[in-house]
Protein backbone atom coordinates (compact mmCIF):
# COMPACT_ATOMS: atom_id res chain seq x y z
CA UNK A 1 15.47 10.44 4.80
CA UNK A 2 15.49 7.54 6.52
CA UNK A 3 16.43 4.07 4.10
CA UNK A 4 12.34 3.58 5.81
CA UNK A 5 10.94 6.28 4.28
CA UNK A 6 12.91 5.95 1.01
CA UNK A 7 11.18 2.64 0.20
CA UNK A 8 7.71 3.68 1.22
CA UNK A 9 8.44 6.73 -1.23
CA UNK A 10 10.13 4.06 -3.69
CA UNK A 11 6.66 1.97 -3.15
CA UNK A 12 4.78 5.31 -4.09
CA UNK A 13 6.00 5.23 -7.30
CA UNK A 14 4.21 3.19 -9.95
CA UNK A 15 5.69 1.45 -12.52
CA UNK A 16 4.39 2.95 -16.40
CA UNK A 17 2.56 0.08 -17.94
CA UNK A 18 0.20 1.93 -20.54
CA UNK A 19 -2.03 5.41 -20.67
CA UNK A 20 -3.98 4.86 -17.35
CA UNK A 21 -1.88 1.44 -16.37
CA UNK A 22 0.44 1.13 -13.96
CA UNK A 23 2.23 -1.58 -11.42
CA UNK A 24 2.81 -1.48 -8.28
CA UNK A 25 4.86 -3.67 -6.03
CA UNK A 26 3.90 -4.74 -2.22
CA UNK A 27 4.57 -4.50 1.43
CA UNK A 28 5.06 -7.41 4.04
CA UNK A 29 4.31 -5.30 7.09
CA UNK A 30 2.82 -9.10 8.52
CA UNK A 31 -1.03 -8.83 8.42
CA UNK A 32 -1.59 -11.68 6.46
CA UNK A 33 -2.67 -8.95 3.84
CA UNK A 34 -1.55 -5.85 1.43
CA UNK A 35 -1.88 -3.15 3.95
CA UNK A 36 -5.16 -1.55 3.70
CA UNK A 37 -3.44 2.89 3.51
CA UNK A 38 -0.61 0.93 0.89
CA UNK A 39 -3.70 0.71 -1.37
CA UNK A 40 -5.07 4.17 -0.80
CA UNK A 41 -1.95 5.78 -1.30
CA UNK A 42 -0.42 3.73 -4.76
CA UNK A 43 -4.35 4.52 -5.78
CA UNK A 44 -3.50 8.03 -5.32
CA UNK A 45 -0.46 8.17 -6.74
CA UNK A 46 -1.77 6.08 -9.51
CA UNK A 47 -4.68 9.12 -10.72
CA UNK A 48 -1.80 11.75 -10.36
CA UNK A 49 -0.48 10.35 -12.90
CA UNK A 50 -2.41 11.73 -15.45
CA UNK A 51 -3.49 15.57 -13.66
CA UNK A 52 -2.10 18.80 -14.01
CA UNK A 53 -0.03 19.59 -11.04
CA UNK A 54 -2.48 22.36 -10.00
CA UNK A 55 -4.96 20.24 -9.38
CA UNK A 56 -4.73 18.52 -5.91
CA UNK A 57 -6.77 15.71 -4.08
CA UNK A 58 -9.65 16.97 -1.60
CA UNK A 59 -11.42 13.99 -1.72
CA UNK A 60 -11.92 10.17 -2.57
CA UNK A 61 -14.37 6.72 -1.49
CA UNK A 62 -13.20 3.81 -1.69
CA UNK A 63 -13.53 0.14 -1.06
CA UNK A 64 -11.73 -3.12 -0.19
CA UNK A 65 -13.50 -5.88 -1.89
CA UNK A 66 -10.52 -8.75 -1.48
CA UNK A 67 -7.04 -9.62 0.09
CA UNK A 68 -4.22 -8.72 -1.60
CA UNK A 69 -1.22 -10.57 -2.01
CA UNK A 70 1.69 -8.95 -0.87
CA UNK A 71 3.95 -11.76 -3.52
CA UNK A 72 2.17 -10.35 -6.22
CA UNK A 73 2.06 -7.11 -8.51
CA UNK A 74 -0.68 -4.71 -8.25
CA UNK A 75 -2.06 -3.05 -11.18
CA UNK A 76 -3.63 0.38 -11.36
CA UNK A 77 -6.05 1.10 -14.15
CA UNK A 78 -6.83 5.03 -13.80
CA UNK A 79 -10.31 5.78 -15.58
CA UNK A 80 -10.83 9.52 -16.06
CA UNK A 81 -14.06 10.09 -15.63
CA UNK A 82 -14.65 14.13 -16.12
CA UNK A 83 -12.21 17.44 -16.46
CA UNK A 84 -13.98 20.48 -15.58
CA UNK A 85 -13.59 24.07 -15.40
CA UNK A 86 -12.00 23.30 -11.80
CA UNK A 87 -12.32 20.15 -10.84
CA UNK A 88 -11.15 16.18 -11.92
CA UNK A 89 -12.64 13.13 -11.27
CA UNK A 90 -10.54 9.56 -11.75
CA UNK A 91 -11.72 6.34 -10.57
CA UNK A 92 -8.92 3.65 -9.49
CA UNK A 93 -9.38 0.49 -9.95
CA UNK A 94 -6.81 -2.40 -8.20
CA UNK A 95 -6.32 -5.77 -9.93
CA UNK A 96 -4.69 -8.70 -8.88
CA UNK A 97 -4.93 -12.70 -10.57
CA UNK A 98 -7.30 -10.35 -12.96
CA UNK A 99 -10.09 -9.50 -10.06
CA UNK A 100 -10.65 -6.13 -8.26
CA UNK A 101 -9.44 -5.84 -4.77
CA UNK A 102 -9.99 -2.31 -4.43
CA UNK A 103 -11.92 0.73 -6.22
CA UNK A 104 -11.76 4.21 -5.33
CA UNK A 105 -13.11 7.25 -6.80
CA UNK A 106 -11.29 10.34 -6.14
CA UNK A 107 -11.72 14.47 -7.12
CA UNK A 108 -9.52 16.76 -7.45
CA UNK A 109 -10.00 20.97 -7.28
CA UNK A 110 -7.52 23.70 -8.18
CA UNK A 111 -8.47 25.20 -4.74
CA UNK A 112 -10.64 28.43 -4.85
CA UNK A 113 -11.36 30.97 -2.49
CA UNK A 114 -14.93 31.02 -0.39
CA UNK A 115 -15.86 30.52 3.36
CA UNK A 116 -13.83 28.82 6.39
CA UNK A 117 -14.36 27.25 9.43
CA UNK A 118 -13.52 24.60 11.37
CA UNK A 119 -13.42 22.58 14.65
CA UNK A 120 -11.31 23.27 17.67
CA UNK A 121 -8.31 20.65 18.07
CA UNK A 122 -8.78 18.32 21.09
CA UNK A 123 -6.39 19.47 23.76
CA UNK A 124 -4.12 16.20 24.74
CA UNK A 125 -0.04 16.60 25.52
CA UNK A 126 1.95 17.29 22.87
CA UNK A 127 4.16 14.34 20.86
CA UNK A 128 7.14 14.59 23.04
CA UNK A 129 7.83 12.93 26.29
CA UNK A 130 4.60 10.32 24.14
CA UNK A 131 7.10 7.05 24.41
CA UNK A 132 7.64 6.38 21.01
CA UNK A 133 5.27 3.34 19.19
CA UNK A 134 8.76 1.76 17.95
CA UNK A 135 9.80 1.48 21.49
CA UNK A 136 5.69 0.33 23.08
CA UNK A 137 6.34 -2.88 20.51
CA UNK A 138 9.85 -3.52 21.07
CA UNK A 139 8.24 -4.03 24.67
CA UNK A 140 5.84 -6.30 23.80
CA UNK A 141 8.60 -8.65 21.81
CA UNK A 142 8.53 -11.81 23.79
CA UNK A 143 4.45 -11.49 23.17
CA UNK A 144 4.78 -11.40 19.40
CA UNK A 145 4.03 -14.41 16.84
CA UNK A 146 7.44 -15.60 15.24
CA UNK A 147 6.04 -14.85 12.03
CA UNK A 148 5.61 -11.54 12.38
CA UNK A 149 7.79 -10.65 14.89
CA UNK A 150 10.33 -9.38 12.37
CA UNK A 151 8.13 -7.31 10.56
CA UNK A 152 7.04 -5.27 13.61
CA UNK A 153 10.35 -4.66 15.37
CA UNK A 154 11.29 -3.63 11.62
CA UNK A 155 12.40 0.84 11.45
CA UNK A 156 9.06 2.04 10.43
CA UNK A 157 8.15 4.27 7.57
CA UNK A 158 5.96 6.69 9.77
CA UNK A 159 6.86 7.39 13.69
CA UNK A 160 3.22 7.56 15.84
CA UNK A 161 2.91 8.84 19.44
CA UNK A 162 -0.37 7.41 21.39
CA UNK A 163 -1.92 10.56 23.95
CA UNK A 164 -3.52 7.66 25.19
CA UNK A 165 -1.85 4.38 24.48
CA UNK A 166 -4.23 1.17 24.13
CA UNK A 167 -1.90 -2.33 25.26
CA UNK A 168 -3.21 -4.81 22.15
CA UNK A 169 -2.10 -7.61 24.28
CA UNK A 170 -4.46 -6.78 27.63
CA UNK A 171 -6.89 -4.34 26.06
CA UNK A 172 -9.25 -2.99 29.14
CA UNK A 173 -12.38 -1.25 28.15
CA UNK A 174 -12.56 2.62 28.01
CA UNK A 175 -14.51 4.77 25.69
CA UNK A 176 -13.92 4.82 22.06
CA UNK A 177 -11.59 7.77 21.73
CA UNK A 178 -7.77 7.36 20.65
CA UNK A 179 -5.42 10.18 20.28
CA UNK A 180 -2.62 9.46 18.15
CA UNK A 181 0.50 12.60 16.96
CA UNK A 182 2.42 11.02 13.47
CA UNK A 183 4.58 12.06 11.03
CA UNK A 184 7.67 10.76 8.55
CA UNK A 185 10.55 9.40 9.61
CA UNK A 186 12.73 11.87 7.29
CA UNK A 187 12.42 15.14 5.19
CA UNK A 188 10.20 15.67 2.31
CA UNK A 189 10.53 16.88 -1.04
CA UNK A 190 8.18 19.92 -1.25
CA UNK A 191 5.54 18.37 -3.10
CA UNK A 192 1.64 18.51 -1.30
CA UNK A 193 0.60 15.98 -3.39
CA UNK A 194 3.52 13.18 -1.40
CA UNK A 195 2.11 14.16 2.16
CA UNK A 196 -1.22 13.60 0.90
CA UNK A 197 -0.23 9.95 -0.95
CA UNK A 198 0.94 9.35 2.45
CA UNK A 199 -1.23 10.96 5.54
CA UNK A 200 -3.75 8.73 3.55
CA UNK A 201 -1.15 5.40 3.73
CA UNK A 202 -0.66 6.44 7.17
CA UNK A 203 -4.46 6.99 8.20
CA UNK A 204 -5.25 2.66 8.51
CA UNK A 205 -3.08 2.50 11.36
CA UNK A 206 -5.38 2.13 14.90
CA UNK A 207 -8.35 3.46 13.09
CA UNK A 208 -11.24 0.60 13.09
CA UNK A 209 -9.51 -0.63 16.38
CA UNK A 210 -10.50 2.63 17.87
CA UNK A 211 -14.10 0.33 17.07
CA UNK A 212 -13.12 -2.41 19.82
CA UNK A 213 -11.59 -0.38 22.83
CA UNK A 214 -15.41 -0.49 24.24
CA UNK A 215 -15.71 -3.90 24.23
CA UNK A 216 -12.23 -4.86 25.48
CA UNK A 217 -10.71 -6.54 22.51
CA UNK A 218 -7.77 -6.08 20.61
CA UNK A 219 -7.25 -6.79 16.68
CA UNK A 220 -3.76 -8.85 17.28
CA UNK A 221 -6.16 -11.09 18.79
CA UNK A 222 -6.58 -14.10 16.47
CA UNK A 223 -10.47 -15.51 16.85
CA UNK A 224 -11.19 -11.69 15.60
CA UNK A 225 -11.55 -10.53 11.99
CA UNK A 226 -10.78 -7.14 11.73
CA UNK A 227 -11.02 -5.81 8.03
CA UNK A 228 -12.04 -2.61 6.07
CA UNK A 229 -15.36 -2.49 4.31
CA UNK A 230 -14.89 1.37 3.56
CA UNK A 231 -12.16 4.16 4.04
CA UNK A 232 -12.98 7.96 2.70
CA UNK A 233 -10.77 10.70 3.18
CA UNK A 234 -11.17 14.97 2.65
CA UNK A 235 -8.20 17.11 2.28
CA UNK A 236 -8.57 20.49 3.29
CA UNK A 237 -5.52 22.09 2.76
CA UNK A 238 -1.89 21.53 2.78
CA UNK A 239 0.66 20.36 5.38
CA UNK A 240 3.57 18.91 5.84
CA UNK A 241 3.79 15.91 7.16
CA UNK A 242 7.18 15.73 8.34
CA UNK A 243 6.07 17.52 11.06
CA UNK A 244 3.55 16.12 13.25
CA UNK A 245 0.67 15.57 12.87
CA UNK A 246 -2.29 15.05 15.46
CA UNK A 247 -4.38 11.79 13.96
CA UNK A 248 -8.00 12.40 16.92
CA UNK A 249 -9.85 9.54 16.39
CA UNK A 250 -13.24 8.38 17.75
CA UNK A 251 -16.09 5.53 17.22
CA UNK A 252 -19.29 6.60 17.33
CA UNK A 253 -21.36 3.08 16.33
CA UNK A 254 -21.35 -0.44 16.24
CA UNK A 255 -23.64 -2.88 14.73
CA UNK A 256 -24.25 -6.26 13.09
CA UNK A 257 -20.73 -7.02 12.90
CA UNK A 258 -19.25 -3.59 12.04
CA UNK A 259 -17.26 -0.98 13.33
CA UNK A 260 -17.71 2.68 12.37
CA UNK A 261 -15.12 5.10 12.65
CA UNK A 262 -13.38 9.25 11.88
CA UNK A 263 -11.01 10.86 12.85
CA UNK A 264 -10.10 14.21 11.78
CA UNK A 265 -5.79 15.73 11.14
CA UNK A 266 -4.67 18.77 13.14
CA UNK A 267 -1.41 20.40 12.26
CA UNK A 268 0.16 21.53 15.45
CA UNK A 269 -1.04 25.25 15.61
CA UNK A 270 -4.44 23.36 15.57
CA UNK A 271 -5.25 23.72 11.80
CA UNK A 272 -7.56 20.80 10.65
CA UNK A 273 -6.33 19.56 7.32
CA UNK A 274 -7.90 16.42 6.50
CA UNK A 275 -10.91 14.27 8.07
CA UNK A 276 -10.84 10.43 7.36
CA UNK A 277 -14.30 7.76 7.89
CA UNK A 278 -14.09 3.90 8.42
CA UNK A 279 -16.39 0.95 7.91
CA UNK A 280 -14.83 -2.11 9.20
CA UNK A 281 -15.72 -5.67 9.90
CA UNK A 282 -15.54 -6.61 14.07
CA UNK A 283 -16.53 -9.74 14.49
CA UNK A 284 -15.19 -13.26 15.85
CA UNK A 285 -14.68 -15.78 13.53
CA UNK A 286 -17.36 -18.51 15.23
CA UNK A 287 -20.06 -15.94 14.01
CA UNK A 288 -18.63 -16.24 10.01
């Protein structure tokens, strides 16, 4: 297991404070605030402590209310909404300075037999031969702001390889479709919950910026405000995130200073294992 992945797993191992109360630390990725994927992963990890292992998460719906401070711990308050025969519901509130920065409602279900179908995986190049995201960023080192350069060049727990690479320094107008191969840098424990929490963490990378692609803009442009409003995710079945997962993203709509994106996660054999949707702010700061 890589050191970066080990640090991320420790980040998801929250400190119990009381029944339903947990404390998590933050990792500064250079975004100026707590990375949204971290808060989602920690919120799911907090809910895990209140559930039996045979009830894995199958969906969550969340709202980002305030930017998180990377220099302060986050308190996660888990409310037990209901435990039914096969399904449980939890509400998780993330707090800093006594105020909520994030809300999540998550549902957990004991798997049962039923109908099955899925969409077909896009026909794209596999991860072999694609340039790793770390090498892409290294090539841009001379353009990176000094204040975040070290953070962006540091070893990452998630390896990403874009099929249709978008240069954030020279964005061009193109269709709002992005395909990215993802996997963790190392071997994970067999606990399927950990694989899902890490996929939730990774689902926030390169997601909302897809809505900027038809407009020829990049989320690295300081005059733009690009921020998540809400994020939902559905887990269809277990998978291993220490093997490659294809993240197929598209943005069907942008309007009123908001962009909508949706993504599907496929294993290498074409199995659809998760789906995500997100809406966020994409607008010029001069319009605020």
